[in-house]
Structures are given as C-alpha cells and as structure tokens.
C-alpha cells in the first residue's frame, strides 16, 4: 500500500477532514470538489467506502448543486434513450 498507507487510514483521514469543512477548500465549491465529491458520491452509492456522517453530509451538499442535478438528468436521459 505504498503511497497512502492503508484503506482504513485513508478513509479515517478523509472522514476527519470532511468533518471540519463544508467543501475541500473551505466554504466555496471548487474543482477539487468535482473530484472528491464524485469519488465520495460514487463510493457511497456502490458501497466501496463506508457510510459515515461526514461523507453523507458532504455528498448531500454536492447533490444539492444545480450542476450536479443537471448532469444527472442529462445522464438519465441518455440512458433512457439507449433503452428504448
């Protein structure tokens, strides 16, 4: 596990960090949140990361964003178009 230690250590560090901040760089959503937010959202959806209050709250903030909702709607429409 060279580079970051163990999975548990990485998850615990992310949990501690997200417990202390609204977004990755503070109060404002940034490009870093696109990356971290998609990773947390995906991880919670597919259970590749454990559900923790800080992860759920962060993902909820990401999901509230209009751009997130617009992107999900576009994706859902494309999926639906391939199934007809």
C-alpha atoms as a PDB file:
ATOM      1  CA  UNK A   1       0.000   0.000   0.000  1.00  0.00           C
ATOM      2  CA  UNK A   2       2.792   2.391  -0.818  1.00  0.00           C
ATOM      3  CA  UNK A   3       1.736   5.963  -1.222  1.00  0.00           C
ATOM      4  CA  UNK A   4      -1.093   6.342   1.257  1.00  0.00           C
ATOM      5  CA  UNK A   5      -0.908   3.650   3.927  1.00  0.00           C
ATOM      6  CA  UNK A   6      -3.977   1.520   4.448  1.00  0.00           C
ATOM      7  CA  UNK A   7      -7.536   1.891   3.201  1.00  0.00           C
ATOM      8  CA  UNK A   8      -8.728   2.458   6.762  1.00  0.00           C
ATOM      9  CA  UNK A   9      -6.143   5.193   7.342  1.00  0.00           C
ATOM     10  CA  UNK A  10      -7.179   6.957   4.123  1.00  0.00           C
ATOM     11  CA  UNK A  11     -10.890   6.708   4.953  1.00  0.00           C
ATOM     12  CA  UNK A  12     -10.320   7.921   8.511  1.00  0.00           C
ATOM     13  CA  UNK A  13      -8.282  10.882   7.272  1.00  0.00           C
ATOM     14  CA  UNK A  14     -10.943  11.839   4.724  1.00  0.00           C
ATOM     15  CA  UNK A  15     -13.637  11.457   7.384  1.00  0.00           C
ATOM     16  CA  UNK A  16     -11.741  13.716   9.792  1.00  0.00           C
ATOM     17  CA  UNK A  17     -11.132  16.290   7.062  1.00  0.00           C
ATOM     18  CA  UNK A  18     -14.721  16.386   5.764  1.00  0.00           C
ATOM     19  CA  UNK A  19     -15.988  16.670   9.336  1.00  0.00           C
ATOM     20  CA  UNK A  20     -14.236  20.017   9.629  1.00  0.00           C
ATOM     21  CA  UNK A  21     -15.050  21.749   6.336  1.00  0.00           C
ATOM     22  CA  UNK A  22     -18.001  22.443   4.043  1.00  0.00           C
ATOM     23  CA  UNK A  23     -16.052  21.850   0.844  1.00  0.00           C
ATOM     24  CA  UNK A  24     -12.485  20.733   0.125  1.00  0.00           C
ATOM     25  CA  UNK A  25     -11.112  24.282   0.030  1.00  0.00           C
ATOM     26  CA  UNK A  26     -13.385  25.738   2.693  1.00  0.00           C
ATOM     27  CA  UNK A  27     -16.739  27.459   2.200  1.00  0.00           C
ATOM     28  CA  UNK A  28     -16.629  27.602  -1.612  1.00  0.00           C
ATOM     29  CA  UNK A  29     -17.147  24.739  -4.057  1.00  0.00           C
ATOM     30  CA  UNK A  30     -14.039  24.324  -6.248  1.00  0.00           C
ATOM     31  CA  UNK A  31     -12.712  21.991  -8.915  1.00  0.00           C
ATOM     32  CA  UNK A  32     -11.288  19.859  -6.107  1.00  0.00           C
ATOM     33  CA  UNK A  33     -14.873  19.109  -5.054  1.00  0.00           C
ATOM     34  CA  UNK A  34     -15.682  17.820  -8.529  1.00  0.00           C
ATOM     35  CA  UNK A  35     -13.064  15.109  -7.994  1.00  0.00           C
ATOM     36  CA  UNK A  36     -13.545  14.400  -4.291  1.00  0.00           C
ATOM     37  CA  UNK A  37     -17.315  14.802  -4.485  1.00  0.00           C
ATOM     38  CA  UNK A  38     -17.690  12.362  -7.348  1.00  0.00           C
ATOM     39  CA  UNK A  39     -15.450   9.877  -5.539  1.00  0.00           C
ATOM     40  CA  UNK A  40     -17.436  10.122  -2.299  1.00  0.00           C
ATOM     41  CA  UNK A  41     -20.804  10.056  -4.115  1.00  0.00           C
ATOM     42  CA  UNK A  42     -19.788   7.019  -6.172  1.00  0.00           C
ATOM     43  CA  UNK A  43     -18.241   5.296  -3.166  1.00  0.00           C
ATOM     44  CA  UNK A  44     -21.393   5.686  -1.092  1.00  0.00           C
ATOM     45  CA  UNK A  45     -23.631   4.593  -3.965  1.00  0.00           C
ATOM     46  CA  UNK A  46     -21.667   1.412  -4.629  1.00  0.00           C
ATOM     47  CA  UNK A  47     -20.575   0.876  -1.019  1.00  0.00           C
ATOM     48  CA  UNK A  48     -16.874   0.986  -1.834  1.00  0.00           C
ATOM     49  CA  UNK A  49     -16.434   3.409   1.067  1.00  0.00           C
ATOM     50  CA  UNK A  50     -18.237   3.116   4.395  1.00  0.00           C
ATOM     51  CA  UNK A  51     -21.161   5.361   5.161  1.00  0.00           C
ATOM     52  CA  UNK A  52     -20.092   7.970   7.699  1.00  0.00           C
ATOM     53  CA  UNK A  53     -21.950  11.111   8.753  1.00  0.00           C
ATOM     54  CA  UNK A  54     -19.278  13.374   7.251  1.00  0.00           C
ATOM     55  CA  UNK A  55     -19.407  11.534   3.905  1.00  0.00           C
ATOM     56  CA  UNK A  56     -23.217  11.567   3.799  1.00  0.00           C
ATOM     57  CA  UNK A  57     -23.365  15.286   4.634  1.00  0.00           C
ATOM     58  CA  UNK A  58     -20.679  16.164   2.070  1.00  0.00           C
ATOM     59  CA  UNK A  59     -22.396  14.079  -0.622  1.00  0.00           C
ATOM     60  CA  UNK A  60     -25.718  15.760   0.206  1.00  0.00           C
ATOM     61  CA  UNK A  61     -24.122  19.195  -0.305  1.00  0.00           C
ATOM     62  CA  UNK A  62     -22.714  18.050  -3.651  1.00  0.00           C
ATOM     63  CA  UNK A  63     -26.067  16.571  -4.728  1.00  0.00           C
ATOM     64  CA  UNK A  64     -27.877  19.839  -3.905  1.00  0.00           C
ATOM     65  CA  UNK A  65     -25.890  21.703  -6.533  1.00  0.00           C
ATOM     66  CA  UNK A  66     -27.807  22.559  -9.700  1.00  0.00           C
ATOM     67  CA  UNK A  67     -24.911  21.495 -11.920  1.00  0.00           C
ATOM     68  CA  UNK A  68     -24.905  18.047 -10.265  1.00  0.00           C
ATOM     69  CA  UNK A  69     -28.654  17.701 -10.791  1.00  0.00           C
ATOM     70  CA  UNK A  70     -28.408  18.883 -14.403  1.00  0.00           C
ATOM     71  CA  UNK A  71     -25.620  16.409 -15.150  1.00  0.00           C
ATOM     72  CA  UNK A  72     -27.601  13.552 -13.567  1.00  0.00           C
ATOM     73  CA  UNK A  73     -30.651  14.486 -15.654  1.00  0.00           C
ATOM     74  CA  UNK A  74     -28.602  14.501 -18.867  1.00  0.00           C
ATOM     75  CA  UNK A  75     -27.118  11.141 -17.967  1.00  0.00           C
ATOM     76  CA  UNK A  76     -30.538   9.652 -17.128  1.00  0.00           C
ATOM     77  CA  UNK A  77     -31.946  10.880 -20.448  1.00  0.00           C
ATOM     78  CA  UNK A  78     -29.067   9.287 -22.362  1.00  0.00           C
ATOM     79  CA  UNK A  79     -29.529   6.002 -20.514  1.00  0.00           C
ATOM     80  CA  UNK A  80     -33.256   6.083 -21.217  1.00  0.00           C
ATOM     81  CA  UNK A  81     -32.622   6.774 -24.910  1.00  0.00           C
ATOM     82  CA  UNK A  82     -30.427   3.680 -25.191  1.00  0.00           C
ATOM     83  CA  UNK A  83     -33.110   1.509 -23.577  1.00  0.00           C
ATOM     84  CA  UNK A  84     -35.918   2.411 -25.984  1.00  0.00           C
END
